[in-house]
Structures are given as structure tokens and as C-alpha cells.
Amino acid sequence: MVHPNVLRYGGLDPDEYQGFAWGMGIDRIAMLKYGM
């Protein structure tokens, strides 16, 4: 879940808005799927 401080830096009120984020390596999932 997005940290309240990050929401503040983005100009949003963490008491009103919330959200989630994720990240992954494209190269890594390409290696996993296609066997490189």
C-alpha cells in the first residue's frame, strides 16, 4: 500500500486517498517465461 508520505509528496491527502503499487523486473519475468 502506498506510504502516506509518498501521497503527500504527490500532492494528495492520505486521509482521503489511498492506493497500492507494485514493481517487478521485466528482464527477470522474460527469463522465467522463455527460459533464458
Full PDB file with SEQRES, HELIX, SHEET, SSBOND, CRYST1, ORIGX, SCALE, CONECT and MASTER records, all heavy atoms in Angstrom:
SEQRES   1 A   36  MET VAL HIS PRO ASN VAL LEU ARG TYR GLY GLY LEU ASP          
SEQRES   2 A   36  PRO ASP GLU TYR GLN GLY PHE ALA TRP GLY MET GLY ILE          
SEQRES   3 A   36  ASP ARG ILE ALA MET LEU LYS TYR GLY MET                      
HELIX    1 AA1 PRO A    4  TYR A    9  1                                   6    
HELIX    2 AA2 ILE A   26  TYR A   34  1                                   9    
CRYST1    1.000    1.000    1.000  90.00  90.00  90.00 P 1           1          
ORIGX1      1.000000  0.000000  0.000000        0.00000                         
ORIGX2      0.000000  1.000000  0.000000        0.00000                         
ORIGX3      0.000000  0.000000  1.000000        0.00000                         
SCALE1      1.000000  0.000000  0.000000        0.00000                         
SCALE2      0.000000  1.000000  0.000000        0.00000                         
SCALE3      0.000000  0.000000  1.000000        0.00000                         
ATOM      1  N   MET A   1       0.847  -1.187   0.000  1.00  0.00           N  
ATOM      2  CA  MET A   1       0.000   0.000   0.000  1.00  0.00           C  
ATOM      3  C   MET A   1       0.890   1.248   0.000  1.00  0.00           C  
ATOM      4  O   MET A   1       1.911   1.302   0.708  1.00  0.00           O  
ATOM      5  CB  MET A   1      -0.911  -0.001   1.225  1.00  0.00           C  
ATOM      6  CG  MET A   1      -1.852  -1.188   1.310  1.00  0.00           C  
ATOM      7  SD  MET A   1      -3.009  -1.284  -0.087  1.00  0.00           S  
ATOM      8  CE  MET A   1      -4.020   0.175   0.211  1.00  0.00           C  
ATOM      9  N   VAL A   2       0.523   2.221  -0.795  1.00  0.00           N  
ATOM     10  CA  VAL A   2       1.346   3.420  -0.946  1.00  0.00           C  
ATOM     11  C   VAL A   2       1.490   4.120   0.405  1.00  0.00           C  
ATOM     12  O   VAL A   2       0.500   4.370   1.113  1.00  0.00           O  
ATOM     13  CB  VAL A   2       0.733   4.366  -1.992  1.00  0.00           C  
ATOM     14  CG1 VAL A   2       1.583   5.637  -2.120  1.00  0.00           C  
ATOM     15  CG2 VAL A   2       0.622   3.674  -3.340  1.00  0.00           C  
ATOM     16  N   HIS A   3       2.732   4.468   0.756  1.00  0.00           N  
ATOM     17  CA  HIS A   3       3.021   5.107   2.039  1.00  0.00           C  
ATOM     18  C   HIS A   3       2.358   6.492   2.088  1.00  0.00           C  
ATOM     19  O   HIS A   3       2.363   7.225   1.095  1.00  0.00           O  
ATOM     20  CB  HIS A   3       4.532   5.253   2.223  1.00  0.00           C  
ATOM     21  CG  HIS A   3       4.950   5.490   3.621  1.00  0.00           C  
ATOM     22  ND1 HIS A   3       4.751   6.699   4.277  1.00  0.00           N  
ATOM     23  CD2 HIS A   3       5.560   4.671   4.536  1.00  0.00           C  
ATOM     24  CE1 HIS A   3       5.220   6.625   5.504  1.00  0.00           C  
ATOM     25  NE2 HIS A   3       5.721   5.392   5.696  1.00  0.00           N  
ATOM     26  N   PRO A   4       1.778   6.875   3.227  1.00  0.00           N  
ATOM     27  CA  PRO A   4       1.145   8.198   3.332  1.00  0.00           C  
ATOM     28  C   PRO A   4       2.092   9.342   2.973  1.00  0.00           C  
ATOM     29  O   PRO A   4       1.664  10.342   2.375  1.00  0.00           O  
ATOM     30  CB  PRO A   4       0.713   8.266   4.804  1.00  0.00           C  
ATOM     31  CG  PRO A   4       0.517   6.842   5.208  1.00  0.00           C  
ATOM     32  CD  PRO A   4       1.551   6.068   4.448  1.00  0.00           C  
ATOM     33  N   ASN A   5       3.371   9.220   3.315  1.00  0.00           N  
ATOM     34  CA  ASN A   5       4.319  10.286   2.975  1.00  0.00           C  
ATOM     35  C   ASN A   5       4.458  10.443   1.454  1.00  0.00           C  
ATOM     36  O   ASN A   5       4.603  11.563   0.941  1.00  0.00           O  
ATOM     37  CB  ASN A   5       5.692   9.998   3.587  1.00  0.00           C  
ATOM     38  CG  ASN A   5       5.684  10.149   5.089  1.00  0.00           C  
ATOM     39  OD1 ASN A   5       4.783  10.785   5.656  1.00  0.00           O  
ATOM     40  ND2 ASN A   5       6.681   9.572   5.760  1.00  0.00           N  
ATOM     41  N   VAL A   6       4.416   9.325   0.726  1.00  0.00           N  
ATOM     42  CA  VAL A   6       4.508   9.389  -0.739  1.00  0.00           C  
ATOM     43  C   VAL A   6       3.279  10.092  -1.306  1.00  0.00           C  
ATOM     44  O   VAL A   6       3.378  10.894  -2.243  1.00  0.00           O  
ATOM     45  CB  VAL A   6       4.664   7.971  -1.330  1.00  0.00           C  
ATOM     46  CG1 VAL A   6       4.633   8.008  -2.855  1.00  0.00           C  
ATOM     47  CG2 VAL A   6       5.956   7.321  -0.840  1.00  0.00           C  
ATOM     48  N   LEU A   7       2.095   9.812  -0.736  1.00  0.00           N  
ATOM     49  CA  LEU A   7       0.886  10.502  -1.179  1.00  0.00           C  
ATOM     50  C   LEU A   7       1.004  12.007  -0.938  1.00  0.00           C  
ATOM     51  O   LEU A   7       0.604  12.815  -1.786  1.00  0.00           O  
ATOM     52  CB  LEU A   7      -0.333   9.944  -0.447  1.00  0.00           C  
ATOM     53  CG  LEU A   7      -0.723   8.486  -0.795  1.00  0.00           C  
ATOM     54  CD1 LEU A   7      -1.845   8.011   0.134  1.00  0.00           C  
ATOM     55  CD2 LEU A   7      -1.167   8.381  -2.247  1.00  0.00           C  
ATOM     56  N   ARG A   8       1.573  12.378   0.189  1.00  0.00           N  
ATOM     57  CA  ARG A   8       1.738  13.812   0.484  1.00  0.00           C  
ATOM     58  C   ARG A   8       2.690  14.453  -0.519  1.00  0.00           C  
ATOM     59  O   ARG A   8       2.425  15.556  -1.018  1.00  0.00           O  
ATOM     60  CB  ARG A   8       2.257  13.990   1.902  1.00  0.00           C  
ATOM     61  CG  ARG A   8       1.259  13.603   2.994  1.00  0.00           C  
ATOM     62  CD  ARG A   8       1.753  14.006   4.383  1.00  0.00           C  
ATOM     63  NE  ARG A   8       0.842  13.539   5.423  1.00  0.00           N  
ATOM     64  CZ  ARG A   8       1.018  12.412   6.110  1.00  0.00           C  
ATOM     65  NH1 ARG A   8       2.081  11.636   5.871  1.00  0.00           N  
ATOM     66  NH2 ARG A   8       0.140  12.054   7.034  1.00  0.00           N  
ATOM     67  N   TYR A   9       3.814  13.788  -0.820  1.00  0.00           N  
ATOM     68  CA  TYR A   9       4.744  14.337  -1.802  1.00  0.00           C  
ATOM     69  C   TYR A   9       4.083  14.455  -3.184  1.00  0.00           C  
ATOM     70  O   TYR A   9       4.429  15.332  -3.973  1.00  0.00           O  
ATOM     71  CB  TYR A   9       5.985  13.449  -1.916  1.00  0.00           C  
ATOM     72  CG  TYR A   9       7.003  13.680  -0.824  1.00  0.00           C  
ATOM     73  CD1 TYR A   9       7.324  12.654   0.076  1.00  0.00           C  
ATOM     74  CD2 TYR A   9       7.638  14.902  -0.691  1.00  0.00           C  
ATOM     75  CE1 TYR A   9       8.263  12.852   1.079  1.00  0.00           C  
ATOM     76  CE2 TYR A   9       8.579  15.115   0.324  1.00  0.00           C  
ATOM     77  CZ  TYR A   9       8.890  14.092   1.194  1.00  0.00           C  
ATOM     78  OH  TYR A   9       9.824  14.297   2.194  1.00  0.00           O  
ATOM     79  N   GLY A  10       3.124  13.598  -3.449  1.00  0.00           N  
ATOM     80  CA  GLY A  10       2.408  13.659  -4.726  1.00  0.00           C  
ATOM     81  C   GLY A  10       1.278  14.674  -4.727  1.00  0.00           C  
ATOM     82  O   GLY A  10       0.576  14.808  -5.738  1.00  0.00           O  
ATOM     83  N   GLY A  11       1.089  15.363  -3.612  1.00  0.00           N  
ATOM     84  CA  GLY A  11       0.054  16.388  -3.547  1.00  0.00           C  
ATOM     85  C   GLY A  11      -1.310  15.865  -3.196  1.00  0.00           C  
ATOM     86  O   GLY A  11      -2.316  16.550  -3.445  1.00  0.00           O  
ATOM     87  N   LEU A  12      -1.404  14.666  -2.613  1.00  0.00           N  
ATOM     88  CA  LEU A  12      -2.687  14.067  -2.263  1.00  0.00           C  
ATOM     89  C   LEU A  12      -2.804  13.945  -0.740  1.00  0.00           C  
ATOM     90  O   LEU A  12      -1.810  13.771  -0.033  1.00  0.00           O  
ATOM     91  CB  LEU A  12      -2.828  12.683  -2.901  1.00  0.00           C  
ATOM     92  CG  LEU A  12      -2.740  12.616  -4.433  1.00  0.00           C  
ATOM     93  CD1 LEU A  12      -2.844  11.164  -4.903  1.00  0.00           C  
ATOM     94  CD2 LEU A  12      -3.828  13.467  -5.088  1.00  0.00           C  
ATOM     95  N   ASP A  13      -4.021  14.015  -0.278  1.00  0.00           N  
ATOM     96  CA  ASP A  13      -4.307  13.901   1.153  1.00  0.00           C  
ATOM     97  C   ASP A  13      -4.450  12.425   1.515  1.00  0.00           C  
ATOM     98  O   ASP A  13      -5.389  11.751   1.060  1.00  0.00           O  
ATOM     99  CB  ASP A  13      -5.589  14.648   1.475  1.00  0.00           C  
ATOM    100  CG  ASP A  13      -5.913  14.626   2.975  1.00  0.00           C  
ATOM    101  OD1 ASP A  13      -5.140  14.007   3.751  1.00  0.00           O  
ATOM    102  OD2 ASP A  13      -6.934  15.220   3.362  1.00  0.00           O  
ATOM    103  N   PRO A  14      -3.534  11.866   2.328  1.00  0.00           N  
ATOM    104  CA  PRO A  14      -3.630  10.442   2.683  1.00  0.00           C  
ATOM    105  C   PRO A  14      -4.854  10.108   3.520  1.00  0.00           C  
ATOM    106  O   PRO A  14      -5.207   8.920   3.633  1.00  0.00           O  
ATOM    107  CB  PRO A  14      -2.337  10.185   3.469  1.00  0.00           C  
ATOM    108  CG  PRO A  14      -1.910  11.523   3.967  1.00  0.00           C  
ATOM    109  CD  PRO A  14      -2.365  12.514   2.950  1.00  0.00           C  
ATOM    110  N   ASP A  15      -5.520  11.102   4.107  1.00  0.00           N  
ATOM    111  CA  ASP A  15      -6.757  10.828   4.839  1.00  0.00           C  
ATOM    112  C   ASP A  15      -7.936  10.643   3.886  1.00  0.00           C  
ATOM    113  O   ASP A  15      -8.979  10.117   4.294  1.00  0.00           O  
ATOM    114  CB  ASP A  15      -7.053  11.973   5.808  1.00  0.00           C  
ATOM    115  CG  ASP A  15      -6.020  12.049   6.922  1.00  0.00           C  
ATOM    116  OD1 ASP A  15      -5.492  10.973   7.301  1.00  0.00           O  
ATOM    117  OD2 ASP A  15      -5.726  13.160   7.389  1.00  0.00           O  
ATOM    118  N   GLU A  16      -7.768  11.089   2.631  1.00  0.00           N  
ATOM    119  CA  GLU A  16      -8.843  10.968   1.641  1.00  0.00           C  
ATOM    120  C   GLU A  16      -8.552   9.884   0.612  1.00  0.00           C  
ATOM    121  O   GLU A  16      -9.467   9.168   0.181  1.00  0.00           O  
ATOM    122  CB  GLU A  16      -9.049  12.313   0.933  1.00  0.00           C  
ATOM    123  CG  GLU A  16     -10.195  12.294  -0.078  1.00  0.00           C  
ATOM    124  CD  GLU A  16     -10.381  13.649  -0.757  1.00  0.00           C  
ATOM    125  OE1 GLU A  16      -9.595  14.580  -0.457  1.00  0.00           O  
ATOM    126  OE2 GLU A  16     -11.321  13.771  -1.577  1.00  0.00           O  
ATOM    127  N   TYR A  17      -7.300   9.765   0.228  1.00  0.00           N  
ATOM    128  CA  TYR A  17      -6.931   8.812  -0.831  1.00  0.00           C  
ATOM    129  C   TYR A  17      -5.983   7.745  -0.297  1.00  0.00           C  
ATOM    130  O   TYR A  17      -5.214   7.970   0.640  1.00  0.00           O  
ATOM    131  CB  TYR A  17      -6.255   9.544  -1.998  1.00  0.00           C  
ATOM    132  CG  TYR A  17      -7.169  10.509  -2.722  1.00  0.00           C  
ATOM    133  CD1 TYR A  17      -7.048  11.885  -2.519  1.00  0.00           C  
ATOM    134  CD2 TYR A  17      -8.150  10.044  -3.582  1.00  0.00           C  
ATOM    135  CE1 TYR A  17      -7.885  12.771  -3.167  1.00  0.00           C  
ATOM    136  CE2 TYR A  17      -8.994  10.924  -4.245  1.00  0.00           C  
ATOM    137  CZ  TYR A  17      -8.860  12.283  -4.039  1.00  0.00           C  
ATOM    138  OH  TYR A  17      -9.697  13.153  -4.671  1.00  0.00           O  
ATOM    139  N   GLN A  18      -6.065   6.610  -0.912  1.00  0.00           N  
ATOM    140  CA  GLN A  18      -5.146   5.519  -0.618  1.00  0.00           C  
ATOM    141  C   GLN A  18      -4.932   4.732  -1.904  1.00  0.00           C  
ATOM    142  O   GLN A  18      -5.649   4.919  -2.893  1.00  0.00           O  
ATOM    143  CB  GLN A  18      -5.693   4.617   0.485  1.00  0.00           C  
ATOM    144  CG  GLN A  18      -7.040   3.968   0.149  1.00  0.00           C  
ATOM    145  CD  GLN A  18      -7.644   3.287   1.360  1.00  0.00           C  
ATOM    146  OE1 GLN A  18      -7.476   3.728   2.489  1.00  0.00           O  
ATOM    147  NE2 GLN A  18      -8.360   2.190   1.101  1.00  0.00           N  
ATOM    148  N   GLY A  19      -3.950   3.888  -1.905  1.00  0.00           N  
ATOM    149  CA  GLY A  19      -3.674   3.132  -3.130  1.00  0.00           C  
ATOM    150  C   GLY A  19      -2.634   2.060  -2.904  1.00  0.00           C  
ATOM    151  O   GLY A  19      -2.105   1.878  -1.802  1.00  0.00           O  
ATOM    152  N   PHE A  20      -2.366   1.328  -3.943  1.00  0.00           N  
ATOM    153  CA  PHE A  20      -1.339   0.289  -3.865  1.00  0.00           C  
ATOM    154  C   PHE A  20      -0.428   0.386  -5.093  1.00  0.00           C  
ATOM    155  O   PHE A  20      -0.808   0.941  -6.137  1.00  0.00           O  
ATOM    156  CB  PHE A  20      -1.953  -1.108  -3.740  1.00  0.00           C  
ATOM    157  CG  PHE A  20      -2.923  -1.479  -4.836  1.00  0.00           C  
ATOM    158  CD1 PHE A  20      -2.480  -2.049  -6.033  1.00  0.00           C  
ATOM    159  CD2 PHE A  20      -4.289  -1.283  -4.665  1.00  0.00           C  
ATOM    160  CE1 PHE A  20      -3.373  -2.404  -7.031  1.00  0.00           C  
ATOM    161  CE2 PHE A  20      -5.190  -1.633  -5.660  1.00  0.00           C  
ATOM    162  CZ  PHE A  20      -4.735  -2.191  -6.848  1.00  0.00           C  
ATOM    163  N   ALA A  21       0.759  -0.155  -4.932  1.00  0.00           N  
ATOM    164  CA  ALA A  21       1.759  -0.124  -6.004  1.00  0.00           C  
ATOM    165  C   ALA A  21       2.514  -1.443  -6.003  1.00  0.00           C  
ATOM    166  O   ALA A  21       2.547  -2.164  -4.989  1.00  0.00           O  
ATOM    167  CB  ALA A  21       2.713   1.053  -5.816  1.00  0.00           C  
ATOM    168  N   TRP A  22       3.137  -1.755  -7.129  1.00  0.00           N  
ATOM    169  CA  TRP A  22       3.956  -2.955  -7.230  1.00  0.00           C  
ATOM    170  C   TRP A  22       5.051  -2.725  -8.261  1.00  0.00           C  
ATOM    171  O   TRP A  22       4.983  -1.803  -9.072  1.00  0.00           O  
ATOM    172  CB  TRP A  22       3.102  -4.163  -7.617  1.00  0.00           C  
ATOM    173  CG  TRP A  22       2.578  -4.105  -9.033  1.00  0.00           C  
ATOM    174  CD1 TRP A  22       3.154  -4.614 -10.147  1.00  0.00           C  
ATOM    175  CD2 TRP A  22       1.364  -3.484  -9.469  1.00  0.00           C  
ATOM    176  NE1 TRP A  22       2.385  -4.359 -11.260  1.00  0.00           N  
ATOM    177  CE2 TRP A  22       1.280  -3.668 -10.857  1.00  0.00           C  
ATOM    178  CE3 TRP A  22       0.336  -2.800  -8.799  1.00  0.00           C  
ATOM    179  CZ2 TRP A  22       0.204  -3.178 -11.603  1.00  0.00           C  
ATOM    180  CZ3 TRP A  22      -0.722  -2.320  -9.551  1.00  0.00           C  
ATOM    181  CH2 TRP A  22      -0.785  -2.505 -10.935  1.00  0.00           C  
ATOM    182  N   GLY A  23       6.060  -3.553  -8.208  1.00  0.00           N  
ATOM    183  CA  GLY A  23       7.162  -3.452  -9.157  1.00  0.00           C  
ATOM    184  C   GLY A  23       7.806  -4.801  -9.392  1.00  0.00           C  
ATOM    185  O   GLY A  23       7.874  -5.651  -8.493  1.00  0.00           O  
ATOM    186  N   MET A  24       8.273  -5.009 -10.630  1.00  0.00           N  
ATOM    187  CA  MET A  24       8.952  -6.263 -10.986  1.00  0.00           C  
ATOM    188  C   MET A  24       9.934  -5.990 -12.115  1.00  0.00           C  
ATOM    189  O   MET A  24       9.807  -4.999 -12.854  1.00  0.00           O  
ATOM    190  CB  MET A  24       7.930  -7.328 -11.404  1.00  0.00           C  
ATOM    191  CG  MET A  24       7.211  -7.034 -12.705  1.00  0.00           C  
ATOM    192  SD  MET A  24       5.909  -8.222 -13.073  1.00  0.00           S  
ATOM    193  CE  MET A  24       4.618  -7.660 -11.963  1.00  0.00           C  
ATOM    194  N   GLY A  25      10.914  -6.857 -12.255  1.00  0.00           N  
ATOM    195  CA  GLY A  25      11.886  -6.733 -13.338  1.00  0.00           C  
ATOM    196  C   GLY A  25      11.362  -7.376 -14.615  1.00  0.00           C  
ATOM    197  O   GLY A  25      11.030  -8.572 -14.624  1.00  0.00           O  
ATOM    198  N   ILE A  26      11.256  -6.593 -15.685  1.00  0.00           N  
ATOM    199  CA  ILE A  26      10.773  -7.135 -16.962  1.00  0.00           C  
ATOM    200  C   ILE A  26      11.741  -8.178 -17.493  1.00  0.00           C  
ATOM    201  O   ILE A  26      11.336  -9.232 -17.995  1.00  0.00           O  
ATOM    202  CB  ILE A  26      10.578  -5.991 -17.977  1.00  0.00           C  
ATOM    203  CG1 ILE A  26       9.452  -5.058 -17.512  1.00  0.00           C  
ATOM    204  CG2 ILE A  26      10.262  -6.546 -19.363  1.00  0.00           C  
ATOM    205  CD1 ILE A  26       9.237  -3.859 -18.411  1.00  0.00           C  
ATOM    206  N   ASP A  27      13.045  -7.901 -17.349  1.00  0.00           N  
ATOM    207  CA  ASP A  27      14.037  -8.865 -17.819  1.00  0.00           C  
ATOM    208  C   ASP A  27      13.890 -10.201 -17.077  1.00  0.00           C  
ATOM    209  O   ASP A  27      14.014 -11.270 -17.679  1.00  0.00           O  
ATOM    210  CB  ASP A  27      15.446  -8.306 -17.608  1.00  0.00           C  
ATOM    211  CG  ASP A  27      15.563  -6.863 -18.056  1.00  0.00           C  
ATOM    212  OD1 ASP A  27      15.117  -5.985 -17.296  1.00  0.00           O  
ATOM    213  OD2 ASP A  27      16.075  -6.624 -19.153  1.00  0.00           O  
ATOM    214  N   ARG A  28      13.627 -10.110 -15.786  1.00  0.00           N  
ATOM    215  CA  ARG A  28      13.517 -11.325 -14.972  1.00  0.00           C  
ATOM    216  C   ARG A  28      12.304 -12.162 -15.374  1.00  0.00           C  
ATOM    217  O   ARG A  28      12.409 -13.382 -15.533  1.00  0.00           O  
ATOM    218  CB  ARG A  28      13.438 -10.956 -13.485  1.00  0.00           C  
ATOM    219  CG  ARG A  28      13.206 -12.143 -12.572  1.00  0.00           C  
ATOM    220  CD  ARG A  28      13.360 -11.757 -11.108  1.00  0.00           C  
ATOM    221  NE  ARG A  28      12.918 -12.809 -10.212  1.00  0.00           N  
ATOM    222  CZ  ARG A  28      13.591 -13.914  -9.947  1.00  0.00           C  
ATOM    223  NH1 ARG A  28      14.753 -14.118 -10.534  1.00  0.00           N  
ATOM    224  NH2 ARG A  28      13.119 -14.818  -9.111  1.00  0.00           N  
ATOM    225  N   ILE A  29      11.153 -11.519 -15.531  1.00  0.00           N  
ATOM    226  CA  ILE A  29       9.971 -12.316 -15.894  1.00  0.00           C  
ATOM    227  C   ILE A  29      10.083 -12.833 -17.328  1.00  0.00           C  
ATOM    228  O   ILE A  29       9.501 -13.869 -17.666  1.00  0.00           O  
ATOM    229  CB  ILE A  29       8.663 -11.517 -15.683  1.00  0.00           C  
ATOM    230  CG1 ILE A  29       8.585 -10.290 -16.596  1.00  0.00           C  
ATOM    231  CG2 ILE A  29       8.516 -11.124 -14.221  1.00  0.00           C  
ATOM    232  CD1 ILE A  29       7.255  -9.566 -16.510  1.00  0.00           C  
ATOM    233  N   ALA A  30      10.848 -12.124 -18.186  1.00  0.00           N  
ATOM    234  CA  ALA A  30      11.106 -12.650 -19.529  1.00  0.00           C  
ATOM    235  C   ALA A  30      11.969 -13.910 -19.453  1.00  0.00           C  
ATOM    236  O   ALA A  30      11.708 -14.907 -20.144  1.00  0.00           O  
ATOM    237  CB  ALA A  30      11.794 -11.590 -20.387  1.00  0.00           C  
ATOM    238  N   MET A  31      12.985 -13.877 -18.587  1.00  0.00           N  
ATOM    239  CA  MET A  31      13.833 -15.050 -18.394  1.00  0.00           C  
ATOM    240  C   MET A  31      13.031 -16.223 -17.851  1.00  0.00           C  
ATOM    241  O   MET A  31      13.213 -17.373 -18.276  1.00  0.00           O  
ATOM    242  CB  MET A  31      14.987 -14.708 -17.447  1.00  0.00           C  
ATOM    243  CG  MET A  31      15.980 -13.702 -17.993  1.00  0.00           C  
ATOM    244  SD  MET A  31      17.183 -13.174 -16.756  1.00  0.00           S  
ATOM    245  CE  MET A  31      18.110 -14.685 -16.502  1.00  0.00           C  
ATOM    246  N   LEU A  32      12.140 -15.958 -16.909  1.00  0.00           N  
ATOM    247  CA  LEU A  32      11.346 -17.027 -16.311  1.00  0.00           C  
ATOM    248  C   LEU A  32      10.398 -17.658 -17.320  1.00  0.00           C  
ATOM    249  O   LEU A  32      10.250 -18.885 -17.377  1.00  0.00           O  
ATOM    250  CB  LEU A  32      10.544 -16.475 -15.126  1.00  0.00           C  
ATOM    251  CG  LEU A  32      11.342 -16.055 -13.882  1.00  0.00           C  
ATOM    252  CD1 LEU A  32      10.421 -15.441 -12.847  1.00  0.00           C  
ATOM    253  CD2 LEU A  32      12.094 -17.247 -13.299  1.00  0.00           C  
ATOM    254  N   LYS A  33       9.763 -16.836 -18.137  1.00  0.00           N  
ATOM    255  CA  LYS A  33       8.758 -17.369 -19.063  1.00  0.00           C  
ATOM    256  C   LYS A  33       9.392 -18.083 -20.249  1.00  0.00           C  
ATOM    257  O   LYS A  33       8.890 -19.125 -20.692  1.00  0.00           O  
ATOM    258  CB  LYS A  33       7.852 -16.242 -19.548  1.00  0.00           C  
ATOM    259  CG  LYS A  33       6.738 -16.727 -20.484  1.00  0.00           C  
ATOM    260  CD  LYS A  33       5.765 -15.617 -20.831  1.00  0.00           C  
ATOM    261  CE  LYS A  33       4.640 -16.119 -21.717  1.00  0.00           C  
ATOM    262  NZ  LYS A  33       3.650 -15.063 -22.046  1.00  0.00           N  
ATOM    263  N   TYR A  34      10.483 -17.534 -20.782  1.00  0.00           N  
ATOM    264  CA  TYR A  34      11.036 -18.053 -22.029  1.00  0.00           C  
ATOM    265  C   TYR A  34      12.352 -18.808 -21.853  1.00  0.00           C  
ATOM    266  O   TYR A  34      13.003 -19.157 -22.831  1.00  0.00           O  
ATOM    267  CB  TYR A  34      11.208 -16.905 -23.031  1.00  0.00           C  
ATOM    268  CG  TYR A  34       9.877 -16.309 -23.423  1.00  0.00           C  
ATOM    269  CD1 TYR A  34       9.523 -15.024 -23.030  1.00  0.00           C  
ATOM    270  CD2 TYR A  34       8.951 -17.048 -24.147  1.00  0.00           C  
ATOM    271  CE1 TYR A  34       8.288 -14.480 -23.375  1.00  0.00           C  
ATOM    272  CE2 TYR A  34       7.719 -16.522 -24.492  1.00  0.00           C  
ATOM    273  CZ  TYR A  34       7.392 -15.240 -24.099  1.00  0.00           C  
ATOM    274  OH  TYR A  34       6.168 -14.711 -24.440  1.00  0.00           O  
ATOM    275  N   GLY A  35      12.755 -19.067 -20.599  1.00  0.00           N  
ATOM    276  CA  GLY A  35      13.875 -19.966 -20.349  1.00  0.00           C  
ATOM    277  C   GLY A  35      15.231 -19.449 -20.759  1.00  0.00           C  
ATOM    278  O   GLY A  35      16.055 -20.221 -21.260  1.00  0.00           O  
ATOM    279  N   MET A  36      15.499 -18.168 -20.550  1.00  0.00           N  
ATOM    280  CA  MET A  36      16.806 -17.604 -20.894  1.00  0.00           C  
ATOM    281  C   MET A  36      17.701 -17.631 -19.656  1.00  0.00           C  
ATOM    282  O   MET A  36      17.358 -17.046 -18.630  1.00  0.00           O  
ATOM    283  CB  MET A  36      16.626 -16.173 -21.400  1.00  0.00           C  
ATOM    284  CG  MET A  36      15.665 -16.090 -22.576  1.00  0.00           C  
ATOM    285  SD  MET A  36      15.062 -14.422 -22.839  1.00  0.00           S  
ATOM    286  CE  MET A  36      13.688 -14.726 -23.949  1.00  0.00           C  
TER     287      MET A  36                                                      
MASTER        0    0    0    2    0    0    0    6  286    1    0    3          
END                                                                             
